[in-house]
């Protein structure tokens, strides 16, 4: 499903992060940026530019033969293509020492004099992931030549230094930026850099993905906007004959959101439900809520060496495709640097019923094994298929209950804002003597 939330749209989390960044002392933000190694700064600059100009193609050219450790921004419209080379230099440029400016001038000239760059054309990641072997899809290369250069100095740049750069190479003064520009732009567009940047960026990405994969996504609504909480009930009820059956039944009901407080590493959960009860939406919303809690914690924590602990939501098919628990983690976090800073709190596995019946028992056993190796709690979701009719050994079975009339109306109201449709539905229910 196509993601409807655009990368440059500021969510509630984005706005809160900008607010938190502005509360940090300017000198503190400045020092964080000055402490970055060159490659780290380039990585964060790529993220910054993608938020500032989401329509641009942005690549770090390190590792290519054409250029050194720099970035390239490509802006296309109906008439022209601008290829902007970005030279990044650490340290002050005061202009008094020839070497400070000479290094910048040399790298700018390398940009302009370089042969055509082989830039990898962006390919839809979702399409690539739908294939078993990514090697079957070849990255398309497009050739470009730099026609503009931007100079970014991660340090103080004096008026004299700026004038010398502009004078000695063909660079517009508005394309020469120092540390003050970096602090201002990162604060406004990519404040994650001040709060465990890679971790907060990863969490935002995963939250966006989960928010956009639901039935109302075509209406450009996030899952959290139209979610109605279901009830969950223990399917393994121990009857005390001193209680009425109704009392026992009600005793085991709880709102789905409460499930996260009951999760235990020692007692994995298998969640079952009839088709259409909203199992996928429910576990997605639970994962979103848990990720938002971690996100807020990551922003406020002072100890950057402390790991964040988050939920992982994958399909049963993805679990089967992972040879080891470490493979699963590496594939999910994508970057080694991110995986080093995050641990797994809960493993959500959806769609047990969607894999072949011959491998379902393998999913159950493998999920238990991986959760033990990762030292995390486990929720396995499935329709009521044969393998879950009897609770698998070591699991607690919970059932997601179908919506009542009031819940169904609330869902329709959140998805469909047309009042006349809701009015007709309510009148029909009244005529049918249905309470809600």
Protein backbone atom coordinates (compact mmCIF):
# COMPACT_ATOMS: atom_id res chain seq x y z
CA UNK A 1 0.00 0.00 0.00
CA UNK A 2 1.31 3.42 -0.91
CA UNK A 3 2.35 5.55 2.02
CA UNK A 4 0.21 8.68 2.16
CA UNK A 5 2.17 10.53 4.82
CA UNK A 6 4.89 12.57 3.12
CA UNK A 7 8.39 12.70 4.66
CA UNK A 8 8.31 16.49 4.95
CA UNK A 9 4.94 16.64 6.69
CA UNK A 10 5.43 17.56 10.32
CA UNK A 11 3.63 15.21 12.65
CA UNK A 12 2.86 15.86 16.31
CA UNK A 13 6.12 14.09 17.18
CA UNK A 14 8.06 16.29 14.72
CA UNK A 15 6.65 19.50 16.14
CA UNK A 16 7.36 18.40 19.70
CA UNK A 17 10.93 17.53 18.74
CA UNK A 18 11.48 20.96 17.16
CA UNK A 19 10.15 22.51 20.36
CA UNK A 20 12.47 20.39 22.51
CA UNK A 21 15.45 21.24 20.28
CA UNK A 22 14.80 24.97 20.59
CA UNK A 23 14.82 24.60 24.37
CA UNK A 24 18.38 23.26 24.21
CA UNK A 25 21.07 25.97 24.60
CA UNK A 26 22.41 27.15 21.25
CA UNK A 27 25.98 26.39 22.30
CA UNK A 28 24.96 22.84 23.22
CA UNK A 29 23.40 22.21 19.81
CA UNK A 30 26.41 23.75 18.13
CA UNK A 31 28.83 21.52 20.03
CA UNK A 32 26.88 18.37 19.09
CA UNK A 33 27.32 19.23 15.40
CA UNK A 34 30.98 20.20 15.80
CA UNK A 35 31.72 16.85 17.46
CA UNK A 36 30.55 14.78 14.46
CA UNK A 37 33.06 13.03 12.26
CA UNK A 38 32.88 14.00 8.60
CA UNK A 39 31.07 10.89 7.39
CA UNK A 40 28.55 11.09 10.25
CA UNK A 41 27.85 14.73 9.44
CA UNK A 42 27.32 13.86 5.76
CA UNK A 43 24.84 11.16 6.73
CA UNK A 44 22.87 13.64 8.82
CA UNK A 45 23.11 16.28 6.09
CA UNK A 46 21.54 13.82 3.66
CA UNK A 47 18.61 13.45 6.07
CA UNK A 48 18.43 17.23 6.55
CA UNK A 49 18.27 17.90 2.81
CA UNK A 50 15.65 15.20 2.30
CA UNK A 51 13.41 17.00 4.81
CA UNK A 52 14.17 20.46 3.40
CA UNK A 53 13.71 19.40 -0.23
CA UNK A 54 11.85 16.06 -0.41
CA UNK A 55 11.61 16.18 -4.21
CA UNK A 56 15.40 16.17 -4.65
CA UNK A 57 17.47 13.05 -5.31
CA UNK A 58 20.22 13.11 -2.67
CA UNK A 59 23.26 10.85 -2.51
CA UNK A 60 26.53 10.64 -0.64
CA UNK A 61 29.26 10.04 -3.20
CA UNK A 62 31.81 8.52 -0.84
CA UNK A 63 33.16 5.32 -2.28
CA UNK A 64 32.80 6.43 -5.91
CA UNK A 65 35.75 7.25 -8.16
CA UNK A 66 34.31 10.55 -9.31
CA UNK A 67 34.50 12.48 -6.04
CA UNK A 68 35.69 12.25 -2.48
CA UNK A 69 33.58 12.46 0.65
CA UNK A 70 30.80 14.71 -0.59
CA UNK A 71 27.09 14.84 -1.41
CA UNK A 72 25.18 15.49 -4.59
CA UNK A 73 21.69 17.03 -4.76
CA UNK A 74 19.75 16.65 -8.01
CA UNK A 75 16.79 18.91 -8.68
CA UNK A 76 14.68 18.18 -11.75
CA UNK A 77 11.78 20.09 -13.24
CA UNK A 78 10.12 20.15 -16.67
CA UNK A 79 12.82 22.35 -18.19
CA UNK A 80 16.13 21.98 -16.34
CA UNK A 81 18.20 19.76 -14.11
CA UNK A 82 20.37 21.30 -11.41
CA UNK A 83 23.14 19.11 -10.04
CA UNK A 84 24.45 20.63 -6.83
CA UNK A 85 27.68 19.25 -5.42
CA UNK A 86 28.07 19.72 -1.66
CA UNK A 87 31.56 20.17 -0.21
CA UNK A 88 31.69 19.53 3.54
CA UNK A 89 34.66 20.70 5.61
CA UNK A 90 35.22 20.33 9.33
CA UNK A 91 36.89 23.15 11.26
CA UNK A 92 36.98 26.92 11.11
CA UNK A 93 37.71 28.94 7.98
CA UNK A 94 38.99 32.33 9.03
CA UNK A 95 40.70 33.26 5.79
CA UNK A 96 43.97 34.28 7.43
CA UNK A 97 45.63 30.92 6.78
CA UNK A 98 45.95 30.05 3.09
CA UNK A 99 45.52 26.33 3.74
CA UNK A 100 42.02 26.72 5.19
CA UNK A 101 40.65 28.24 2.00
CA UNK A 102 42.92 26.36 -0.40
CA UNK A 103 41.47 23.01 0.73
CA UNK A 104 37.93 24.23 0.06
CA UNK A 105 38.90 25.75 -3.31
CA UNK A 106 40.58 22.53 -4.40
CA UNK A 107 37.54 20.42 -3.54
CA UNK A 108 35.16 22.83 -5.27
CA UNK A 109 37.30 22.71 -8.41
CA UNK A 110 37.26 18.89 -8.24
CA UNK A 111 33.48 19.08 -8.23
CA UNK A 112 33.28 21.28 -11.32
CA UNK A 113 36.01 19.43 -13.21
CA UNK A 114 34.77 15.92 -12.45
CA UNK A 115 33.54 13.78 -15.28
CA UNK A 116 29.91 12.77 -15.42
CA UNK A 117 28.75 11.17 -12.18
CA UNK A 118 27.09 7.79 -12.15
CA UNK A 119 24.14 8.39 -9.83
CA UNK A 120 21.93 5.46 -8.85
CA UNK A 121 18.37 6.16 -9.88
CA UNK A 122 15.94 5.64 -7.02
CA UNK A 123 13.97 2.40 -7.17
CA UNK A 124 10.84 1.80 -5.12
CA UNK A 125 12.00 -0.10 -2.02
CA UNK A 126 8.64 -1.84 -1.58
CA UNK A 127 8.87 -3.26 -5.10
CA UNK A 128 12.41 -4.51 -4.46
CA UNK A 129 11.38 -6.16 -1.21
CA UNK A 130 8.53 -8.01 -2.91
CA UNK A 131 11.09 -10.12 -4.77
CA UNK A 132 12.89 -13.03 -3.14
CA UNK A 133 16.20 -12.10 -4.72
CA UNK A 134 16.97 -8.40 -4.91
CA UNK A 135 19.72 -9.17 -7.39
CA UNK A 136 16.99 -9.69 -9.97
CA UNK A 137 16.43 -5.92 -9.97
CA UNK A 138 19.25 -3.89 -11.44
CA UNK A 139 19.85 -0.36 -10.15
CA UNK A 140 19.43 2.09 -13.01
CA UNK A 141 22.35 4.52 -13.45
CA UNK A 142 21.95 8.06 -14.70
CA UNK A 143 24.86 10.32 -15.66
CA UNK A 144 25.05 13.90 -14.39
CA UNK A 145 27.58 16.72 -14.30
CA UNK A 146 27.78 19.19 -11.42
CA UNK A 147 26.69 22.70 -12.41
CA UNK A 148 26.47 24.26 -8.94
CA UNK A 149 28.41 23.82 -5.71
CA UNK A 150 27.42 24.39 -2.09
CA UNK A 151 30.09 24.76 0.59
CA UNK A 152 29.26 23.76 4.16
CA UNK A 153 31.77 24.55 6.89
CA UNK A 154 31.17 22.79 10.18
CA UNK A 155 32.88 25.55 12.10
CA UNK A 156 33.12 29.32 12.19
CA UNK A 157 33.58 31.08 8.87
CA UNK A 158 34.80 34.68 8.84
CA UNK A 159 33.70 37.34 6.38
CA UNK A 160 37.19 37.28 4.89
CA UNK A 161 37.10 33.49 4.50
CA UNK A 162 33.67 33.66 2.86
CA UNK A 163 34.80 36.39 0.43
CA UNK A 164 37.90 34.43 -0.59
CA UNK A 165 35.88 31.28 -1.32
CA UNK A 166 33.35 33.23 -3.40
CA UNK A 167 36.11 35.11 -5.23
CA UNK A 168 38.42 32.20 -6.01
CA UNK A 169 35.80 29.72 -7.25
CA UNK A 170 32.48 30.03 -9.03
CA UNK A 171 30.29 29.72 -5.92
CA UNK A 172 27.42 32.04 -5.05
CA UNK A 173 27.70 33.62 -1.59
CA UNK A 174 24.25 32.27 -0.70
CA UNK A 175 25.66 28.76 -1.20
CA UNK A 176 28.40 29.16 1.45
CA UNK A 177 27.24 28.15 4.93
CA UNK A 178 28.85 27.92 8.37
CA UNK A 179 27.97 26.40 11.72
CA UNK A 180 25.22 28.94 12.49
CA UNK A 181 23.33 27.89 9.34
CA UNK A 182 23.76 24.24 10.30
CA UNK A 183 22.37 24.78 13.81
CA UNK A 184 19.37 26.74 12.50
CA UNK A 185 18.48 24.30 9.71
CA UNK A 186 18.92 21.15 11.79
CA UNK A 187 16.79 22.66 14.55
CA UNK A 188 13.96 23.54 12.17
CA UNK A 189 13.98 20.57 9.79
CA UNK A 190 15.88 17.69 11.37
CA UNK A 191 16.10 18.15 15.16
CA UNK A 192 16.57 14.38 15.55
CA UNK A 193 20.29 15.03 15.15
CA UNK A 194 20.35 16.46 18.67
CA UNK A 195 18.56 13.43 20.17
CA UNK A 196 20.18 10.16 19.05
CA UNK A 197 19.52 11.11 15.43
CA UNK A 198 19.62 7.67 13.83
CA UNK A 199 17.42 6.12 16.50
CA UNK A 200 14.74 8.83 16.43
CA UNK A 201 14.77 8.87 12.61
CA UNK A 202 14.34 5.10 12.54
CA UNK A 203 11.45 5.26 15.03
CA UNK A 204 9.72 8.00 13.04
CA UNK A 205 10.07 5.95 9.87
CA UNK A 206 8.59 2.82 11.46
CA UNK A 207 5.75 4.80 13.07
CA UNK A 208 4.92 6.33 9.67
CA UNK A 209 4.92 2.90 8.01
CA UNK A 210 2.56 1.43 10.61
CA UNK A 211 0.30 4.50 10.60
CA UNK A 212 -0.18 4.28 6.82
CA UNK A 213 -0.88 0.54 6.45
CA UNK A 214 -4.55 0.22 7.28
CA UNK A 215 -8.00 0.21 5.71
CA UNK A 216 -8.52 4.00 5.78
CA UNK A 217 -5.10 4.93 4.38
CA UNK A 218 -6.65 5.82 1.01
CA UNK A 219 -8.53 8.60 2.79
CA UNK A 220 -5.16 9.99 3.88
CA UNK A 221 -5.89 9.16 7.53
CA UNK A 222 -3.44 7.68 9.98
CA UNK A 223 -4.29 4.51 11.86
CA UNK A 224 -4.28 6.40 15.17
CA UNK A 225 -6.90 8.82 13.84
CA UNK A 226 -9.47 6.15 13.07
CA UNK A 227 -8.60 3.43 15.54
CA UNK A 228 -11.32 2.09 17.83
CA UNK A 229 -10.00 -0.05 20.62
CA UNK A 230 -11.28 -3.64 20.67
CA UNK A 231 -11.63 -5.88 23.69
CA UNK A 232 -9.50 -8.96 24.22
CA UNK A 233 -10.43 -11.96 26.30
CA UNK A 234 -8.61 -14.96 27.65
CA UNK A 235 -9.48 -18.04 25.63
CA UNK A 236 -8.19 -20.28 28.40
CA UNK A 237 -10.71 -19.62 31.16
CA UNK A 238 -10.44 -21.51 34.43
CA UNK A 239 -13.97 -21.84 35.80
CA UNK A 240 -14.57 -21.36 39.50
CA UNK A 241 -17.97 -22.96 40.12
CA UNK A 242 -18.67 -20.45 42.91
CA UNK A 243 -18.90 -17.78 40.21
CA UNK A 244 -21.50 -17.49 37.49
CA UNK A 245 -20.27 -18.21 33.97
CA UNK A 246 -21.03 -14.58 33.00
CA UNK A 247 -18.91 -13.30 35.90
CA UNK A 248 -16.01 -15.53 34.88
CA UNK A 249 -16.36 -14.42 31.27
CA UNK A 250 -16.41 -10.70 32.11
CA UNK A 251 -13.53 -11.09 34.54
CA UNK A 252 -11.25 -12.02 31.68
CA UNK A 253 -12.14 -9.11 29.37
CA UNK A 254 -9.79 -6.13 29.03
CA UNK A 255 -9.11 -3.27 26.59
CA UNK A 256 -6.51 -4.27 24.04
CA UNK A 257 -4.16 -1.40 25.02
CA UNK A 258 -3.79 -2.94 28.49
CA UNK A 259 -2.12 -5.93 26.91
CA UNK A 260 1.28 -4.22 26.86
CA UNK A 261 1.29 -4.04 30.67
CA UNK A 262 0.75 -7.81 30.87
CA UNK A 263 3.43 -8.91 28.41
CA UNK A 264 6.01 -11.24 29.90
CA UNK A 265 9.18 -12.82 28.59
CA UNK A 266 8.14 -16.05 30.31
CA UNK A 267 4.61 -16.24 28.87
CA UNK A 268 4.28 -15.65 25.10
CA UNK A 269 0.82 -14.78 23.78
CA UNK A 270 -1.05 -16.15 20.79
CA UNK A 271 -3.78 -13.74 19.69
CA UNK A 272 -6.66 -15.23 17.70
CA UNK A 273 -9.70 -13.70 16.07
CA UNK A 274 -12.25 -14.16 13.36
CA UNK A 275 -11.63 -12.56 9.94
CA UNK A 276 -12.35 -8.82 10.09
CA UNK A 277 -11.92 -8.41 13.84
CA UNK A 278 -8.93 -6.15 13.23
CA UNK A 279 -5.99 -8.20 14.51
CA UNK A 280 -3.44 -6.51 12.25
CA UNK A 281 -4.71 -3.01 13.05
CA UNK A 282 -4.76 -3.77 16.78
CA UNK A 283 -1.19 -5.04 17.00
CA UNK A 284 0.00 -2.23 14.70
CA UNK A 285 -1.60 0.35 16.99
CA UNK A 286 -0.08 -1.32 20.04
CA UNK A 287 3.36 -1.26 18.37
CA UNK A 288 2.87 2.42 17.45
CA UNK A 289 2.00 3.34 21.04
CA UNK A 290 5.03 1.46 22.35
CA UNK A 291 7.31 3.12 19.78
CA UNK A 292 5.97 6.58 20.66
CA UNK A 293 6.75 5.91 24.32
CA UNK A 294 10.31 4.94 23.36
CA UNK A 295 10.60 7.99 21.09
CA UNK A 296 9.70 10.36 23.92
CA UNK A 297 12.13 8.57 26.20
CA UNK A 298 14.93 8.78 23.60
CA UNK A 299 14.40 12.54 23.30
CA UNK A 300 14.52 13.17 27.03
CA UNK A 301 17.30 10.77 28.07
CA UNK A 302 20.65 12.26 29.00
CA UNK A 303 22.73 9.09 28.73
CA UNK A 304 23.24 8.45 25.01
CA UNK A 305 24.93 5.12 25.68
CA UNK A 306 21.70 3.70 27.12
CA UNK A 307 19.89 1.42 24.65
CA UNK A 308 16.29 2.01 23.59
CA UNK A 309 14.02 -1.04 23.72
CA UNK A 310 11.33 -1.20 21.01
CA UNK A 311 8.79 -3.63 19.54
CA UNK A 312 9.39 -5.36 16.19
CA UNK A 313 6.39 -6.13 13.99
CA UNK A 314 6.93 -8.63 11.17
CA UNK A 315 4.92 -11.23 9.25
CA UNK A 316 5.12 -14.98 9.71
CA UNK A 317 6.64 -15.17 6.23
CA UNK A 318 9.43 -12.76 7.22
CA UNK A 319 10.12 -14.88 10.28
CA UNK A 320 10.49 -18.00 8.13
CA UNK A 321 12.85 -16.13 5.80
CA UNK A 322 15.18 -15.23 8.72
CA UNK A 323 17.79 -17.92 9.30
CA UNK A 324 18.68 -16.61 12.77
CA UNK A 325 17.33 -14.08 15.25
CA UNK A 326 20.31 -11.85 14.45
CA UNK A 327 19.39 -11.94 10.73
CA UNK A 328 15.88 -10.85 11.66
CA UNK A 329 17.23 -7.93 13.73
CA UNK A 330 19.70 -6.85 11.03
CA UNK A 331 17.01 -6.90 8.33
CA UNK A 332 14.55 -4.97 10.47
CA UNK A 333 16.92 -2.24 11.65
CA UNK A 334 18.64 -2.02 8.23
CA UNK A 335 21.67 -0.14 9.60
CA UNK A 336 24.23 -1.70 11.93
CA UNK A 337 24.62 1.61 13.78
CA UNK A 338 20.90 1.63 14.57
CA UNK A 339 20.83 -2.00 15.72
CA UNK A 340 23.70 -1.29 18.13
CA UNK A 341 21.64 1.39 19.89
CA UNK A 342 18.33 -0.50 20.08
CA UNK A 343 17.23 -3.73 21.72
CA UNK A 344 14.01 -5.68 21.11
CA UNK A 345 11.29 -5.34 23.74
CA UNK A 346 8.47 -7.28 22.06
CA UNK A 347 8.32 -9.44 18.95
CA UNK A 348 4.97 -9.11 17.13
CA UNK A 349 4.36 -11.72 14.42
CA UNK A 350 1.28 -11.28 12.25
CA UNK A 351 -0.36 -13.63 9.74
CA UNK A 352 0.34 -17.11 11.08
CA UNK A 353 -2.74 -18.21 9.12
CA UNK A 354 -1.33 -16.71 5.90
CA UNK A 355 1.53 -19.19 5.56
CA UNK A 356 1.11 -22.75 4.36
CA UNK A 357 -0.37 -25.05 6.99
CA UNK A 358 2.67 -27.35 6.68
CA UNK A 359 5.00 -24.68 8.12
CA UNK A 360 2.77 -23.11 10.80
CA UNK A 361 4.19 -25.27 13.57
CA UNK A 362 7.67 -24.13 12.47
CA UNK A 363 6.56 -20.50 12.86
CA UNK A 364 5.30 -21.18 16.38
CA UNK A 365 8.51 -22.90 17.47
CA UNK A 366 10.81 -20.46 15.70
CA UNK A 367 9.01 -17.46 17.22
CA UNK A 368 9.49 -18.93 20.72
CA UNK A 369 13.16 -19.62 20.01
CA UNK A 370 13.83 -16.11 18.65
CA UNK A 371 12.02 -14.38 21.52
CA UNK A 372 14.13 -16.36 24.00
CA UNK A 373 17.35 -15.51 22.17
CA UNK A 374 16.38 -11.83 22.01
CA UNK A 375 15.12 -11.92 25.62
CA UNK A 376 11.84 -10.25 24.64
CA UNK A 377 8.11 -10.87 24.98
CA UNK A 378 6.15 -12.38 22.09
CA UNK A 379 2.71 -11.93 20.49
CA UNK A 380 1.75 -14.22 17.62
CA UNK A 381 -1.45 -13.28 15.73
CA UNK A 382 -3.64 -15.61 13.69
CA UNK A 383 -7.12 -16.38 12.51
CA UNK A 384 -8.74 -19.40 14.10
CA UNK A 385 -6.89 -22.08 12.16
CA UNK A 386 -6.24 -25.69 13.20
CA UNK A 387 -2.90 -25.09 14.90
CA UNK A 388 -4.38 -22.61 17.41
CA UNK A 389 -7.56 -24.51 18.28
CA UNK A 390 -5.58 -26.06 21.11
CA UNK A 391 -3.24 -23.52 22.75
CA UNK A 392 0.37 -24.33 21.75
CA UNK A 393 2.57 -25.39 24.64
CA UNK A 394 3.96 -22.49 26.65
CA UNK A 395 1.58 -19.91 25.17
CA UNK A 396 -1.34 -18.02 26.64
CA UNK A 397 -4.19 -17.73 24.16
CA UNK A 398 -6.20 -14.50 23.93
CA UNK A 399 -9.15 -13.84 21.65
CA UNK A 400 -9.88 -10.51 20.00
CA UNK A 401 -13.61 -9.94 20.35
CA UNK A 402 -15.77 -8.70 17.44
CA UNK A 403 -16.93 -5.08 17.65
CA UNK A 404 -20.20 -4.26 19.34
CA UNK A 405 -22.62 -1.91 17.60
CA UNK A 406 -21.26 1.16 19.39
CA UNK A 407 -17.68 0.32 18.43
CA UNK A 408 -18.67 -0.30 14.81
CA UNK A 409 -20.45 3.06 14.63
CA UNK A 410 -17.45 4.82 16.18
CA UNK A 411 -15.19 3.27 13.55
CA UNK A 412 -17.48 4.31 10.68
CA UNK A 413 -17.67 7.81 12.12
CA UNK A 414 -13.89 8.11 12.21
CA UNK A 415 -13.42 6.76 8.70
CA UNK A 416 -16.44 8.39 7.04
CA UNK A 417 -17.05 12.00 8.03
CA UNK A 418 -20.30 12.30 6.04
CA UNK A 419 -22.92 13.06 8.68
CA UNK A 420 -25.86 12.00 6.52
CA UNK A 421 -24.43 8.46 6.22
CA UNK A 422 -24.06 8.19 9.98
CA UNK A 423 -27.54 9.59 10.55
CA UNK A 424 -29.10 6.95 8.27
CA UNK A 425 -27.17 4.19 10.05
CA UNK A 426 -28.26 5.36 13.49
CA UNK A 427 -31.91 5.64 12.42
CA UNK A 428 -31.76 2.15 10.94
CA UNK A 429 -30.40 0.74 14.18
CA UNK A 430 -33.12 2.47 16.20
CA UNK A 431 -35.79 1.04 13.92
CA UNK A 432 -34.26 -2.42 14.36
CA UNK A 433 -34.31 -1.88 18.15
CA UNK A 434 -30.52 -2.29 18.38
CA UNK A 435 -28.91 -0.66 21.40
CA UNK A 436 -25.60 1.14 21.16
